[in-house]
C-alpha atoms as a PDB file:
ATOM      1  CA  MET A   1     138.401 -83.310  -2.847  1.00  0.00           C
ATOM      2  CA  LEU A   2     138.084 -81.437  -6.122  1.00  0.00           C
ATOM      3  CA  THR A   3     137.057 -77.788  -6.156  1.00  0.00           C
ATOM      4  CA  LYS A   4     134.228 -77.345  -8.657  1.00  0.00           C
ATOM      5  CA  THR A   5     133.831 -74.167 -10.698  1.00  0.00           C
ATOM      6  CA  ASN A   6     130.096 -74.313  -9.897  1.00  0.00           C
ATOM      7  CA  PRO A   7     129.210 -76.737  -7.079  1.00  0.00           C
ATOM      8  CA  PHE A   8     125.463 -76.140  -7.586  1.00  0.00           C
ATOM      9  CA  LEU A   9     125.429 -77.251 -11.229  1.00  0.00           C
ATOM     10  CA  PHE A  10     127.249 -80.596 -11.517  1.00  0.00           C
ATOM     11  CA  TYR A  11     128.503 -83.690  -9.758  1.00  0.00           C
ATOM     12  CA  VAL A  12     131.987 -85.208  -9.980  1.00  0.00           C
ATOM     13  CA  ASP A  13     132.871 -88.907  -9.824  1.00  0.00           C
ATOM     14  CA  GLY A  14     131.748 -90.580  -6.618  1.00  0.00           C
ATOM     15  CA  GLU A  15     129.326 -87.903  -5.371  1.00  0.00           C
ATOM     16  CA  VAL A  16     126.148 -89.734  -6.451  1.00  0.00           C
ATOM     17  CA  ALA A  17     125.124 -92.701  -8.579  1.00  0.00           C
ATOM     18  CA  GLY A  18     125.734 -92.021 -12.265  1.00  0.00           C
ATOM     19  CA  ALA A  19     128.204 -89.153 -11.705  1.00  0.00           C
ATOM     20  CA  PRO A  20     129.763 -87.242 -13.278  1.00  0.00           C
ATOM     21  CA  GLY A  21     126.907 -85.210 -14.710  1.00  0.00           C
ATOM     22  CA  LEU A  22     124.564 -82.298 -14.119  1.00  0.00           C
ATOM     23  CA  LYS A  23     122.546 -81.913 -10.929  1.00  0.00           C
ATOM     24  CA  GLY A  24     118.858 -82.519 -11.413  1.00  0.00           C
ATOM     25  CA  SER A  25     115.624 -83.209  -9.592  1.00  0.00           C
ATOM     26  CA  CYS A  26     113.024 -85.830 -10.479  1.00  0.00           C
ATOM     27  CA  CYS A  27     109.471 -85.433  -9.177  1.00  0.00           C
ATOM     28  CA  LYS A  28     108.092 -88.565  -7.520  1.00  0.00           C
ATOM     29  CA  ALA A  29     104.504 -87.439  -8.221  1.00  0.00           C
ATOM     30  CA  CYS A  30     104.537 -86.536 -11.928  1.00  0.00           C
ATOM     31  CA  GLY A  31     107.933 -87.818 -13.121  1.00  0.00           C
ATOM     32  CA  LEU A  32     109.207 -84.464 -14.446  1.00  0.00           C
ATOM     33  CA  THR A  33     113.002 -84.127 -14.447  1.00  0.00           C
ATOM     34  CA  VAL A  34     114.455 -80.616 -14.188  1.00  0.00           C
ATOM     35  CA  LEU A  35     117.934 -79.124 -14.072  1.00  0.00           C
ATOM     36  CA  LEU A  36     119.274 -78.247 -10.599  1.00  0.00           C
ATOM     37  CA  GLN A  37     118.074 -79.288  -7.180  1.00  0.00           C
ATOM     38  CA  MET A  38     114.594 -77.915  -6.504  1.00  0.00           C
ATOM     39  CA  ALA A  39     112.465 -77.679  -3.371  1.00  0.00           C
ATOM     40  CA  ALA A  40     109.213 -78.157  -5.319  1.00  0.00           C
ATOM     41  CA  CYS A  41     108.218 -79.483  -8.741  1.00  0.00           C
ATOM     42  CA  PRO A  42     107.603 -76.601 -11.177  1.00  0.00           C
ATOM     43  CA  LYS A  43     104.899 -78.664 -12.944  1.00  0.00           C
ATOM     44  CA  CYS A  44     102.732 -80.117 -10.147  1.00  0.00           C
ATOM     45  CA  GLY A  45     104.033 -78.396  -6.992  1.00  0.00           C
ATOM     46  CA  SER A  46     104.948 -81.623  -5.199  1.00  0.00           C
ATOM     47  CA  ARG A  47     107.737 -81.377  -2.653  1.00  0.00           C
ATOM     48  CA  GLU A  48     108.646 -85.050  -3.127  1.00  0.00           C
ATOM     49  CA  LEU A  49     111.696 -84.846  -5.400  1.00  0.00           C
ATOM     50  CA  ASP A  50     114.762 -87.023  -5.727  1.00  0.00           C
ATOM     51  CA  ALA A  51     118.173 -85.512  -6.400  1.00  0.00           C
ATOM     52  CA  VAL A  52     119.477 -87.180  -9.576  1.00  0.00           C
ATOM     53  CA  CYS A  53     122.493 -87.031 -11.837  1.00  0.00           C
ATOM     54  CA  ILE A  54     121.469 -86.184 -15.418  1.00  0.00           C
ATOM     55  CA  GLY A  55     122.999 -85.130 -18.703  1.00  0.00           C
ATOM     56  CA  GLN A  56     125.662 -87.776 -19.125  1.00  0.00           C
ATOM     57  CA  ARG A  57     124.442 -87.998 -22.732  1.00  0.00           C
ATOM     58  CA  ALA A  58     122.877 -85.166 -24.694  1.00  0.00           C
ATOM     59  CA  LYS A  59     122.140 -83.831 -28.160  1.00  0.00           C
ATOM     60  CA  LEU A  60     123.317 -80.532 -29.557  1.00  0.00           C
ATOM     61  CA  GLY A  61     120.766 -77.896 -30.449  1.00  0.00           C
ATOM     62  CA  HIS A  62     122.703 -74.989 -31.891  1.00  0.00           C
ATOM     63  CA  ALA A  63     126.272 -73.921 -31.193  1.00  0.00           C
ATOM     64  CA  ALA A  64     128.443 -70.881 -31.763  1.00  0.00           C
ATOM     65  CA  GLU A  65     132.189 -70.442 -31.930  1.00  0.00           C
ATOM     66  CA  VAL A  66     133.207 -67.581 -29.627  1.00  0.00           C
ATOM     67  CA  PHE A  67     136.239 -65.444 -30.449  1.00  0.00           C
ATOM     68  CA  HIS A  68     136.475 -63.430 -27.227  1.00  0.00           C
ATOM     69  CA  SER A  69     138.009 -64.952 -24.090  1.00  0.00           C
ATOM     70  CA  ALA A  70     135.820 -65.151 -20.998  1.00  0.00           C
ATOM     71  CA  ASP A  71     136.491 -66.190 -17.402  1.00  0.00           C
ATOM     72  CA  GLY A  72     137.994 -69.673 -17.628  1.00  0.00           C
ATOM     73  CA  PHE A  73     137.594 -69.949 -21.413  1.00  0.00           C
ATOM     74  CA  GLU A  74     140.396 -69.061 -23.805  1.00  0.00           C
ATOM     75  CA  ALA A  75     139.157 -67.996 -27.259  1.00  0.00           C
ATOM     76  CA  PRO A  76     138.260 -69.467 -29.573  1.00  0.00           C
ATOM     77  CA  TYR A  77     135.817 -71.859 -27.899  1.00  0.00           C
ATOM     78  CA  PHE A  78     132.321 -73.222 -28.489  1.00  0.00           C
ATOM     79  CA  ILE A  79     129.125 -72.765 -26.503  1.00  0.00           C
ATOM     80  CA  GLY A  80     125.926 -74.579 -27.339  1.00  0.00           C
ATOM     81  CA  MET A  81     122.356 -75.358 -26.389  1.00  0.00           C
ATOM     82  CA  ILE A  82     122.249 -78.964 -25.262  1.00  0.00           C
ATOM     83  CA  GLU A  83     119.272 -81.200 -24.588  1.00  0.00           C
ATOM     84  CA  THR A  84     119.962 -83.853 -21.994  1.00  0.00           C
ATOM     85  CA  GLU A  85     118.752 -87.402 -22.520  1.00  0.00           C
ATOM     86  CA  GLN A  86     116.358 -86.814 -19.591  1.00  0.00           C
ATOM     87  CA  GLY A  87     114.831 -83.715 -21.231  1.00  0.00           C
ATOM     88  CA  PRO A  88     116.159 -80.548 -19.544  1.00  0.00           C
ATOM     89  CA  ARG A  89     118.020 -78.101 -21.799  1.00  0.00           C
ATOM     90  CA  THR A  90     120.828 -75.711 -20.921  1.00  0.00           C
ATOM     91  CA  PHE A  91     123.712 -73.798 -22.438  1.00  0.00           C
ATOM     92  CA  ALA A  92     127.094 -75.435 -21.931  1.00  0.00           C
ATOM     93  CA  PRO A  93     130.631 -75.236 -23.255  1.00  0.00           C
ATOM     94  CA  ILE A  94     131.426 -77.672 -26.066  1.00  0.00           C
ATOM     95  CA  ALA A  95     134.858 -79.337 -25.983  1.00  0.00           C
ATOM     96  CA  ALA A  96     135.830 -79.229 -29.655  1.00  0.00           C
ATOM     97  CA  ALA A  97     138.845 -77.935 -31.547  1.00  0.00           C
ATOM     98  CA  PRO A  98     138.560 -74.494 -33.165  1.00  0.00           C
ATOM     99  CA  GLY A  99     136.878 -74.690 -36.569  1.00  0.00           C
ATOM    100  CA  THR A 100     135.133 -78.016 -35.835  1.00  0.00           C
ATOM    101  CA  LYS A 101     131.840 -78.464 -37.690  1.00  0.00           C
ATOM    102  CA  LEU A 102     129.131 -78.951 -35.089  1.00  0.00           C
ATOM    103  CA  THR A 103     125.674 -79.927 -36.319  1.00  0.00           C
ATOM    104  CA  PRO A 104     122.278 -79.804 -34.592  1.00  0.00           C
ATOM    105  CA  GLY A 105     121.236 -83.214 -33.318  1.00  0.00           C
ATOM    106  CA  MET A 106     124.757 -84.583 -32.932  1.00  0.00           C
ATOM    107  CA  ALA A 107     125.384 -86.765 -29.893  1.00  0.00           C
ATOM    108  CA  LEU A 108     127.356 -85.286 -26.989  1.00  0.00           C
ATOM    109  CA  ARG A 109     128.749 -86.685 -23.762  1.00  0.00           C
ATOM    110  CA  PHE A 110     129.417 -84.946 -20.443  1.00  0.00           C
ATOM    111  CA  GLN A 111     133.050 -84.680 -19.408  1.00  0.00           C
ATOM    112  CA  LEU A 112     134.958 -83.073 -16.558  1.00  0.00           C
ATOM    113  CA  LEU A 113     137.686 -80.551 -17.413  1.00  0.00           C
ATOM    114  CA  GLU A 114     140.584 -79.659 -15.151  1.00  0.00           C
ATOM    115  CA  ARG A 115     141.186 -75.916 -14.922  1.00  0.00           C
ATOM    116  CA  GLU A 116     144.190 -73.849 -13.926  1.00  0.00           C
ATOM    117  CA  GLY A 117     144.602 -73.638 -10.168  1.00  0.00           C
ATOM    118  CA  GLY A 118     143.281 -77.142  -9.547  1.00  0.00           C
ATOM    119  CA  SER A 119     139.562 -76.582 -10.023  1.00  0.00           C
ATOM    120  CA  VAL A 120     137.342 -78.703 -12.241  1.00  0.00           C
ATOM    121  CA  GLY A 121     134.618 -77.622 -14.648  1.00  0.00           C
ATOM    122  CA  PHE A 122     132.727 -79.458 -17.359  1.00  0.00           C
ATOM    123  CA  ALA A 123     131.925 -79.387 -21.049  1.00  0.00           C
ATOM    124  CA  TYR A 124     130.143 -81.537 -23.577  1.00  0.00           C
ATOM    125  CA  ALA A 125     132.237 -83.386 -26.163  1.00  0.00           C
ATOM    126  CA  PRO A 126     131.006 -84.634 -29.526  1.00  0.00           C
ATOM    127  CA  VAL A 127     130.650 -88.420 -29.688  1.00  0.00           C
ATOM    128  CA  GLU A 128     132.812 -89.790 -32.497  1.00  0.00           C
ATOM    129  CA  GLY A 129     130.831 -90.830 -35.543  1.00  0.00           C
ATOM    130  CA  SER A 130     127.786 -88.718 -34.602  1.00  0.00           C
ATOM    131  CA  THR A 131     128.250 -85.893 -37.108  1.00  0.00           C
END
């Protein structure tokens, strides 16, 4: 079994239908989809939620190229605001070569990334032809 960098944030292949992708919750009462697994719907308060895999496809909001290394990320790297196809937004690493032109609205896809020491993380990669 793979060791995830953050087991509360994403699924790997085979964990649930539609994986890999981000962990989400979908309210059976009002239909709201949110990031992460929740005990109650933040919109209507219902406790009837399904755990779902989301974020396989997304769009880029804004992104920044970072020039200072951080835990697990060797500079330079990109971080961006992404909006999942299901609606929730989050910040995530963007798998793109240094100096790549990233534009708001461009299509992204979720991908798993192997890390040193055998763990796995994730990033969003630009979809070819979406710039």
